[in-house]
Amino acid sequence: MDLFEISKKYESYIIEQRRWFHQHPELSWEEVKTTEAIEEELKKMGLEVRRFPDHTGCTAMVYGGKAKEGCKTIALRADIDALPVEEKTGLPFASVNPGVMHACGHDCHIAMLLGAAKILCEIKDELQGNVMLFFQAAEETCHGAEYYVQQGVMKEVDAIFGQHVWNDLEAPFMSIDSGVRMASCDNFRITVDGASCHGSNPSGGIDAIVAASAIVMNLQTIVSRNNNPLNALAVTVGEIHGGQRFNIIANKVVMEGTCRTHSREMRGKIEPLIRRVAEETADAFGAKASLEYWAYPSPLINDQEDLNNIAKNAALKLFGEEGIKELPRMMGSEDFAYFMDEVPGFYGYLGSHDEVHCYGNHNDHYDVDEAILKRGAAMHAQFALDYLAEKA
């Protein structure tokens, strides 16, 4: 059974769906029309759709004709939200929603999974288990996936597969690499409290800006002196606010930032290290510092050998050795990791870079050659078919 050939039958459908979703993007947790459109398409295929209370996103199940009692269920996930970006592609199907754009390719993900649904419905009599089609909202918030975990979605499945169109990878190649793929994403806020006074008499107060500046610099010693130099780690302060006026010693500074690492072990050490640096540096200046810390997705690591092999063999069946390329690990994050914390999972990438489509994800010119999309649909379906066959 050649699923790549079957995917070609649905190429025009996949492209049509991609263009509609691209033209009608919606921000995280606002994907109302997006979810309704997905639901309509799934119902046309004869599938029953599950919605969520007061939240966007949906799931549907394809029941296998050869499924037996105790069979496995594999989830295929597509994220559906857009970004607060003003589109500048000039496409005839460009966003009609001002300031909102599918600049990360989630329109492609929706279309690929709907295409996979078509394929799976066609071959459902050959499936030795069940397939959950999972359209997830709010990936761009870094923790939208957490809501669905809390709703028990992962308790309904035995494993999960996802993939991303990616401009750092040449089109139309697939990356099905094992090991670390993306970093964790934890965010923090440090508040520094000093004492204000006239700027002409700095000794009369406690300068929160000076203390905060020292904290920003000292935080980098976590990377250079507390972390193994062979482990990727970034501690970034991306936002800082403080002071009331040019001639007043500031009594308060608030800074916000993010931490990224590939190491689960190092991730557990970062929060107490930041707290120590912030508090003790502030104390050296007579100021006080407090830390708020939010843990978001874990590192995304393809560490399940059986799923790694299924993904590799699926890509080889579909595209051959010549259709696969390695993609270096990245410091960006992906909330798909929430699902992989609950059940075994695999995450791959579909290259979208070529001479014409050369802008990166999150760019206001981001676009793809739509010819790659059938590959993503075929990969979804092949992984599901092969996983269920191996686990039957």
Protein backbone atom coordinates (compact mmCIF):
# COMPACT_ATOMS: atom_id res chain seq x y z
CA MET A 1 0.00 0.00 0.00
CA ASP A 2 1.67 3.21 -1.19
CA LEU A 3 0.37 6.00 1.02
CA PHE A 4 2.42 8.64 -0.79
CA GLU A 5 0.56 7.80 -3.99
CA ILE A 6 -2.74 7.91 -2.12
CA SER A 7 -1.80 11.33 -0.69
CA LYS A 8 -1.47 12.70 -4.22
CA LYS A 9 -5.19 12.09 -4.74
CA TYR A 10 -5.91 14.52 -1.97
CA GLU A 11 -3.28 17.15 -2.84
CA SER A 12 -5.76 19.67 -4.21
CA TYR A 13 -7.94 19.21 -1.11
CA ILE A 14 -4.96 19.74 1.21
CA ILE A 15 -3.90 22.89 -0.64
CA GLU A 16 -7.47 24.24 -0.65
CA GLN A 17 -7.70 23.71 3.11
CA ARG A 18 -4.32 25.30 3.73
CA ARG A 19 -5.34 28.42 1.82
CA TRP A 20 -8.62 28.80 3.68
CA PHE A 21 -6.98 28.49 7.07
CA HIS A 22 -4.13 30.78 6.01
CA GLN A 23 -6.66 33.43 4.98
CA HIS A 24 -8.61 33.15 8.26
CA PRO A 25 -6.00 33.02 11.07
CA GLU A 26 -6.97 33.32 14.72
CA LEU A 27 -4.84 33.91 17.81
CA SER A 28 -4.30 31.45 20.65
CA TRP A 29 -7.51 30.39 22.43
CA GLU A 30 -9.48 32.47 19.90
CA GLU A 31 -9.55 29.80 17.16
CA VAL A 32 -13.36 29.64 17.10
CA LYS A 33 -13.96 29.73 13.33
CA THR A 34 -10.86 27.58 12.82
CA THR A 35 -12.23 24.86 15.10
CA GLU A 36 -15.68 25.08 13.50
CA ALA A 37 -14.17 24.69 10.02
CA ILE A 38 -12.10 21.69 11.12
CA GLU A 39 -15.17 20.13 12.73
CA GLU A 40 -17.16 20.59 9.53
CA GLU A 41 -14.49 18.86 7.45
CA LEU A 42 -14.21 15.93 9.86
CA LYS A 43 -17.97 15.46 9.93
CA LYS A 44 -17.99 15.36 6.11
CA MET A 45 -15.69 12.35 6.47
CA GLY A 46 -18.23 10.68 8.75
CA LEU A 47 -16.21 11.22 11.91
CA GLU A 48 -17.59 12.13 15.32
CA VAL A 49 -15.94 15.26 16.72
CA ARG A 50 -15.17 15.98 20.36
CA ARG A 51 -15.06 19.61 21.48
CA PHE A 52 -13.81 21.05 24.76
CA PRO A 53 -15.68 23.10 27.38
CA ASP A 54 -15.08 26.81 26.85
CA HIS A 55 -11.90 26.12 24.84
CA THR A 56 -11.04 25.79 21.18
CA GLY A 57 -9.51 22.75 19.48
CA CYS A 58 -11.07 19.34 18.86
CA THR A 59 -10.41 15.65 18.37
CA ALA A 60 -11.91 12.89 16.24
CA MET A 61 -11.29 9.15 16.16
CA VAL A 62 -10.72 6.90 13.16
CA TYR A 63 -11.56 3.36 14.27
CA GLY A 64 -9.55 0.65 12.59
CA GLY A 65 -11.28 -2.20 10.77
CA LYS A 66 -8.77 -4.70 12.17
CA ALA A 67 -8.78 -3.31 15.71
CA LYS A 68 -9.15 -5.97 18.38
CA GLU A 69 -9.90 -5.74 22.09
CA GLY A 70 -6.97 -4.13 23.87
CA CYS A 71 -5.60 -2.58 20.67
CA LYS A 72 -3.52 0.59 20.72
CA THR A 73 -4.56 4.15 19.89
CA ILE A 74 -2.12 6.59 18.30
CA ALA A 75 -2.70 10.35 18.35
CA LEU A 76 -1.70 12.57 15.42
CA ARG A 77 -1.43 16.22 16.47
CA ALA A 78 -1.67 19.49 14.55
CA ASP A 79 -1.52 22.89 16.24
CA ILE A 80 -4.00 25.46 14.92
CA ASP A 81 -3.26 28.96 16.27
CA ALA A 82 -1.74 31.94 14.46
CA LEU A 83 0.56 34.79 15.52
CA PRO A 84 0.06 38.55 16.14
CA VAL A 85 1.92 39.42 12.92
CA GLU A 86 0.86 41.74 10.08
CA GLU A 87 1.21 39.63 6.92
CA LYS A 88 3.36 40.96 4.08
CA THR A 89 3.45 37.98 1.70
CA GLY A 90 1.19 39.52 -0.94
CA LEU A 91 -0.47 36.13 -1.44
CA PRO A 92 -3.93 36.13 -3.07
CA PHE A 93 -5.12 34.23 0.02
CA ALA A 94 -3.31 36.44 2.56
CA SER A 95 -4.84 36.99 5.98
CA VAL A 96 -8.09 38.93 6.07
CA ASN A 97 -7.66 39.49 9.81
CA PRO A 98 -5.49 42.59 10.38
CA GLY A 99 -2.44 41.95 12.55
CA VAL A 100 -2.93 38.18 12.60
CA MET A 101 -1.03 35.71 10.40
CA HIS A 102 -0.20 32.03 10.15
CA ALA A 103 3.48 32.93 10.21
CA CYS A 104 4.58 29.64 11.77
CA GLY A 105 2.90 27.21 9.38
CA HIS A 106 0.07 25.98 11.58
CA ASP A 107 -2.26 26.44 8.61
CA CYS A 108 -0.12 23.81 6.88
CA HIS A 109 -0.34 21.54 9.92
CA ILE A 110 -4.15 21.69 9.92
CA ALA A 111 -4.29 20.92 6.21
CA MET A 112 -1.79 18.06 6.45
CA LEU A 113 -3.74 16.39 9.26
CA LEU A 114 -7.03 16.81 7.40
CA GLY A 115 -5.32 15.22 4.40
CA ALA A 116 -4.11 12.40 6.64
CA ALA A 117 -7.68 11.98 7.88
CA LYS A 118 -8.80 11.46 4.26
CA ILE A 119 -6.09 8.82 3.76
CA LEU A 120 -6.85 7.05 7.03
CA CYS A 121 -10.58 6.96 6.32
CA GLU A 122 -9.79 5.38 2.95
CA ILE A 123 -7.58 2.68 4.50
CA LYS A 124 -9.35 2.29 7.86
CA ASP A 125 -10.16 -1.37 7.15
CA GLU A 126 -6.40 -2.05 7.27
CA LEU A 127 -5.78 -0.27 10.59
CA GLN A 128 -5.01 -2.62 13.48
CA GLY A 129 -5.98 -0.05 16.08
CA ASN A 130 -7.42 3.43 16.35
CA VAL A 131 -6.17 6.88 15.38
CA MET A 132 -7.00 10.08 17.24
CA LEU A 133 -6.90 13.20 15.07
CA PHE A 134 -5.95 15.94 17.51
CA PHE A 135 -6.23 19.62 16.55
CA GLN A 136 -4.62 21.57 19.39
CA ALA A 137 -5.15 25.25 20.15
CA ALA A 138 -2.75 27.78 21.67
CA GLU A 139 0.63 26.21 20.97
CA GLU A 140 2.13 29.68 20.65
CA THR A 141 1.40 30.39 24.33
CA CYS A 142 4.08 27.79 25.19
CA HIS A 143 1.66 25.81 27.34
CA GLY A 144 -1.61 25.37 25.45
CA ALA A 145 -0.97 21.62 25.42
CA GLU A 146 -1.14 21.62 29.21
CA TYR A 147 -4.91 22.25 29.07
CA TYR A 148 -5.53 19.11 27.01
CA VAL A 149 -3.38 17.03 29.36
CA GLN A 150 -5.55 18.30 32.22
CA GLN A 151 -8.63 17.31 30.19
CA GLY A 152 -7.32 13.74 30.07
CA VAL A 153 -6.74 13.56 26.32
CA MET A 154 -3.46 11.68 26.74
CA LYS A 155 -5.20 9.06 28.88
CA GLU A 156 -7.10 8.05 25.75
CA VAL A 157 -4.00 7.25 23.68
CA ASP A 158 -0.89 5.08 23.90
CA ALA A 159 1.49 7.28 21.88
CA ILE A 160 1.54 10.52 19.90
CA PHE A 161 3.13 11.80 16.69
CA GLY A 162 3.62 15.38 15.54
CA GLN A 163 5.54 17.29 12.89
CA HIS A 164 6.33 20.88 11.93
CA VAL A 165 6.97 22.62 8.64
CA TRP A 166 10.38 24.21 9.18
CA ASN A 167 12.34 26.74 7.15
CA ASP A 168 15.75 25.82 8.59
CA LEU A 169 15.38 22.55 6.66
CA GLU A 170 15.44 22.36 2.86
CA ALA A 171 12.23 21.44 1.09
CA PRO A 172 10.94 18.80 0.65
CA PHE A 173 13.12 16.77 3.03
CA MET A 174 11.93 15.13 6.25
CA SER A 175 13.91 15.23 9.48
CA ILE A 176 13.24 12.14 11.57
CA ASP A 177 16.23 12.49 13.90
CA SER A 178 16.34 10.85 17.31
CA GLY A 179 17.57 12.46 20.52
CA VAL A 180 17.23 16.10 21.58
CA ARG A 181 15.26 18.21 19.12
CA MET A 182 14.24 21.37 21.02
CA ALA A 183 14.87 23.04 24.36
CA SER A 184 12.73 23.54 27.42
CA CYS A 185 11.10 26.92 27.93
CA ASP A 186 10.84 28.39 31.43
CA ASN A 187 10.09 32.07 32.04
CA PHE A 188 10.84 34.32 34.99
CA ARG A 189 10.24 37.74 36.50
CA ILE A 190 12.64 39.41 38.93
CA THR A 191 11.48 42.40 40.93
CA VAL A 192 14.18 44.58 42.51
CA ASP A 193 13.15 46.96 45.30
CA GLY A 194 15.35 49.86 46.37
CA ALA A 195 14.70 53.30 47.83
CA SER A 196 14.20 56.48 45.81
CA CYS A 197 15.82 59.84 46.40
CA HIS A 198 16.99 62.83 44.38
CA GLY A 199 19.32 61.90 41.56
CA SER A 200 21.85 64.48 42.77
CA ASN A 201 22.23 62.59 46.06
CA PRO A 202 22.47 58.87 45.17
CA SER A 203 23.87 57.94 48.58
CA GLY A 204 20.54 58.97 50.07
CA GLY A 205 18.72 56.04 48.50
CA ILE A 206 19.21 52.52 47.15
CA ASP A 207 19.47 52.46 43.37
CA ALA A 208 17.33 49.62 42.01
CA ILE A 209 18.61 50.22 38.47
CA VAL A 210 22.24 49.69 39.48
CA ALA A 211 21.31 46.54 41.43
CA ALA A 212 19.21 45.25 38.54
CA SER A 213 22.02 45.91 36.07
CA ALA A 214 24.37 43.83 38.19
CA ILE A 215 21.80 41.05 38.34
CA VAL A 216 21.48 41.00 34.54
CA MET A 217 25.25 40.61 34.20
CA ASN A 218 25.61 38.06 37.00
CA LEU A 219 22.85 35.86 35.60
CA GLN A 220 25.17 35.03 32.72
CA THR A 221 27.57 33.33 35.13
CA ILE A 222 24.93 30.61 35.49
CA VAL A 223 25.64 29.73 31.85
CA SER A 224 29.40 30.20 32.01
CA ARG A 225 30.19 28.86 35.48
CA ASN A 226 27.34 26.67 36.79
CA ASN A 227 26.60 24.76 33.59
CA ASN A 228 28.62 22.12 31.80
CA PRO A 229 29.94 23.91 28.69
CA LEU A 230 28.93 20.89 26.59
CA ASN A 231 25.28 21.45 27.52
CA ALA A 232 23.24 24.06 25.65
CA LEU A 233 21.82 26.65 28.04
CA ALA A 234 20.50 30.19 27.52
CA VAL A 235 19.40 32.59 30.26
CA THR A 236 17.98 35.70 28.62
CA VAL A 237 16.57 38.90 30.11
CA GLY A 238 14.40 40.25 27.32
CA GLU A 239 12.46 42.97 29.06
CA ILE A 240 13.33 45.49 31.79
CA HIS A 241 11.38 48.40 33.27
CA GLY A 242 12.36 50.79 36.03
CA GLY A 243 12.60 54.35 37.21
CA GLN A 244 10.23 57.31 37.39
CA ARG A 245 12.26 60.24 36.06
CA PHE A 246 15.76 61.20 34.87
CA ASN A 247 16.67 62.86 38.19
CA ILE A 248 15.21 60.32 40.61
CA ILE A 249 17.10 57.31 41.96
CA ALA A 250 14.84 54.38 40.99
CA ASN A 251 13.12 52.51 43.79
CA LYS A 252 11.90 49.59 41.63
CA VAL A 253 12.92 47.58 38.57
CA VAL A 254 11.06 44.65 37.01
CA MET A 255 12.77 42.39 34.50
CA GLU A 256 11.44 39.38 32.62
CA GLY A 257 13.25 36.66 30.76
CA THR A 258 13.44 33.06 29.62
CA CYS A 259 15.63 30.01 30.20
CA ARG A 260 16.26 27.32 27.59
CA THR A 261 18.18 24.06 27.92
CA HIS A 262 18.38 20.61 26.36
CA SER A 263 19.19 18.97 29.70
CA ARG A 264 16.39 17.75 31.95
CA GLU A 265 18.92 17.63 34.82
CA MET A 266 20.13 21.21 34.34
CA ARG A 267 16.58 22.44 33.97
CA GLY A 268 15.87 21.42 37.55
CA LYS A 269 18.79 23.52 38.80
CA ILE A 270 18.10 26.79 37.01
CA GLU A 271 15.38 28.26 39.25
CA PRO A 272 17.35 28.05 42.53
CA LEU A 273 20.45 29.41 40.78
CA ILE A 274 18.56 32.42 39.43
CA ARG A 275 17.01 33.02 42.84
CA ARG A 276 20.42 32.94 44.55
CA VAL A 277 22.05 35.27 42.01
CA ALA A 278 19.16 37.75 42.13
CA GLU A 279 18.75 37.85 45.89
CA GLU A 280 22.42 37.93 46.84
CA THR A 281 23.40 40.42 44.13
CA ALA A 282 20.61 42.76 45.23
CA ASP A 283 21.66 42.34 48.85
CA ALA A 284 25.17 43.47 47.97
CA PHE A 285 23.68 46.83 46.94
CA GLY A 286 21.33 47.04 49.92
CA ALA A 287 18.32 46.23 47.71
CA LYS A 288 15.85 43.34 47.77
CA ALA A 289 15.06 40.99 44.88
CA SER A 290 12.21 38.50 44.51
CA LEU A 291 11.77 35.85 41.81
CA GLU A 292 8.66 34.49 40.11
CA TYR A 293 9.32 31.45 37.95
CA TRP A 294 7.07 29.58 35.51
CA ALA A 295 7.99 26.16 34.14
CA TYR A 296 6.59 25.62 30.64
CA PRO A 297 7.50 22.83 28.16
CA SER A 298 10.22 20.31 28.91
CA PRO A 299 13.02 19.66 26.44
CA LEU A 300 11.61 17.89 23.39
CA ILE A 301 13.56 14.64 23.08
CA ASN A 302 12.89 11.73 20.73
CA ASP A 303 14.11 9.09 23.17
CA GLN A 304 11.72 6.20 22.46
CA GLU A 305 13.72 3.75 20.35
CA ASP A 306 10.68 1.92 18.99
CA LEU A 307 8.98 5.14 17.86
CA ASN A 308 12.25 6.46 16.41
CA ASN A 309 12.50 3.32 14.29
CA ILE A 310 8.85 3.49 13.22
CA ALA A 311 9.30 7.12 12.13
CA LYS A 312 12.51 6.39 10.24
CA ASN A 313 11.07 3.37 8.46
CA ALA A 314 7.88 5.25 7.62
CA ALA A 315 9.86 8.07 6.00
CA LEU A 316 12.01 5.57 4.09
CA LYS A 317 8.92 3.80 2.74
CA LEU A 318 7.43 7.07 1.58
CA PHE A 319 10.40 9.08 0.35
CA GLY A 320 13.49 6.85 0.35
CA GLU A 321 16.93 7.75 1.72
CA GLU A 322 17.06 10.67 -0.69
CA GLY A 323 14.04 12.25 1.01
CA ILE A 324 15.58 12.46 4.48
CA LYS A 325 18.01 15.01 5.94
CA GLU A 326 19.36 15.69 9.39
CA LEU A 327 18.33 18.86 11.21
CA PRO A 328 20.52 20.18 14.05
CA ARG A 329 18.96 20.42 17.50
CA MET A 330 17.42 23.81 18.30
CA MET A 331 17.00 26.15 21.28
CA GLY A 332 13.41 26.98 20.41
CA SER A 333 10.68 25.12 22.29
CA GLU A 334 7.50 23.24 21.43
CA ASP A 335 4.64 22.51 23.80
CA PHE A 336 4.26 19.07 22.19
CA ALA A 337 6.71 18.15 24.98
CA TYR A 338 3.78 18.26 27.45
CA PHE A 339 2.26 15.30 25.62
CA MET A 340 5.59 13.44 25.54
CA ASP A 341 5.78 13.84 29.33
CA GLU A 342 2.56 11.79 29.49
CA VAL A 343 2.91 9.17 26.72
CA PRO A 344 5.66 8.04 24.35
CA GLY A 345 5.96 10.37 21.38
CA PHE A 346 7.91 11.33 18.28
CA TYR A 347 8.31 14.76 16.69
CA GLY A 348 9.59 15.34 13.17
CA TYR A 349 10.12 18.22 10.75
CA LEU A 350 9.16 18.83 7.13
CA GLY A 351 11.51 21.17 5.29
CA SER A 352 10.03 24.29 3.69
CA HIS A 353 13.14 26.26 2.63
CA ASP A 354 13.92 26.89 -1.01
CA GLU A 355 15.08 29.84 -3.14
CA VAL A 356 11.58 31.31 -3.28
CA HIS A 357 10.36 30.40 0.20
CA CYS A 358 13.40 31.60 2.11
CA TYR A 359 11.85 33.43 5.06
CA GLY A 360 11.96 31.77 8.46
CA ASN A 361 9.09 30.75 10.70
CA HIS A 362 7.49 33.72 12.51
CA ASN A 363 8.53 36.08 9.69
CA ASP A 364 5.84 38.30 8.15
CA HIS A 365 6.79 36.88 4.71
CA TYR A 366 6.72 33.19 5.73
CA ASP A 367 5.26 30.91 3.07
CA VAL A 368 5.78 27.37 1.79
CA ASP A 369 5.75 25.52 -1.51
CA GLU A 370 2.39 23.78 -1.16
CA ALA A 371 3.74 20.74 -3.00
CA ILE A 372 5.36 19.61 0.27
CA LEU A 373 2.07 19.37 2.14
CA LYS A 374 1.00 15.99 0.76
CA ARG A 375 4.25 14.62 2.18
CA GLY A 376 3.23 15.70 5.66
CA ALA A 377 -0.19 14.12 5.22
CA ALA A 378 1.37 10.85 4.04
CA MET A 379 3.85 10.86 6.94
CA HIS A 380 1.03 11.23 9.48
CA ALA A 381 -0.88 8.34 7.96
CA GLN A 382 2.15 6.07 7.47
CA PHE A 383 3.33 6.53 11.04
CA ALA A 384 -0.14 5.68 12.36
CA LEU A 385 -0.50 2.63 10.12
CA ASP A 386 2.92 1.27 11.02
CA TYR A 387 2.65 2.00 14.75
CA LEU A 388 -0.65 0.16 15.01
CA ALA A 389 0.69 -2.78 12.99
CA GLU A 390 3.80 -3.09 15.18
CA LYS A 391 1.86 -2.82 18.45
CA ALA A 392 -1.04 -5.13 17.42
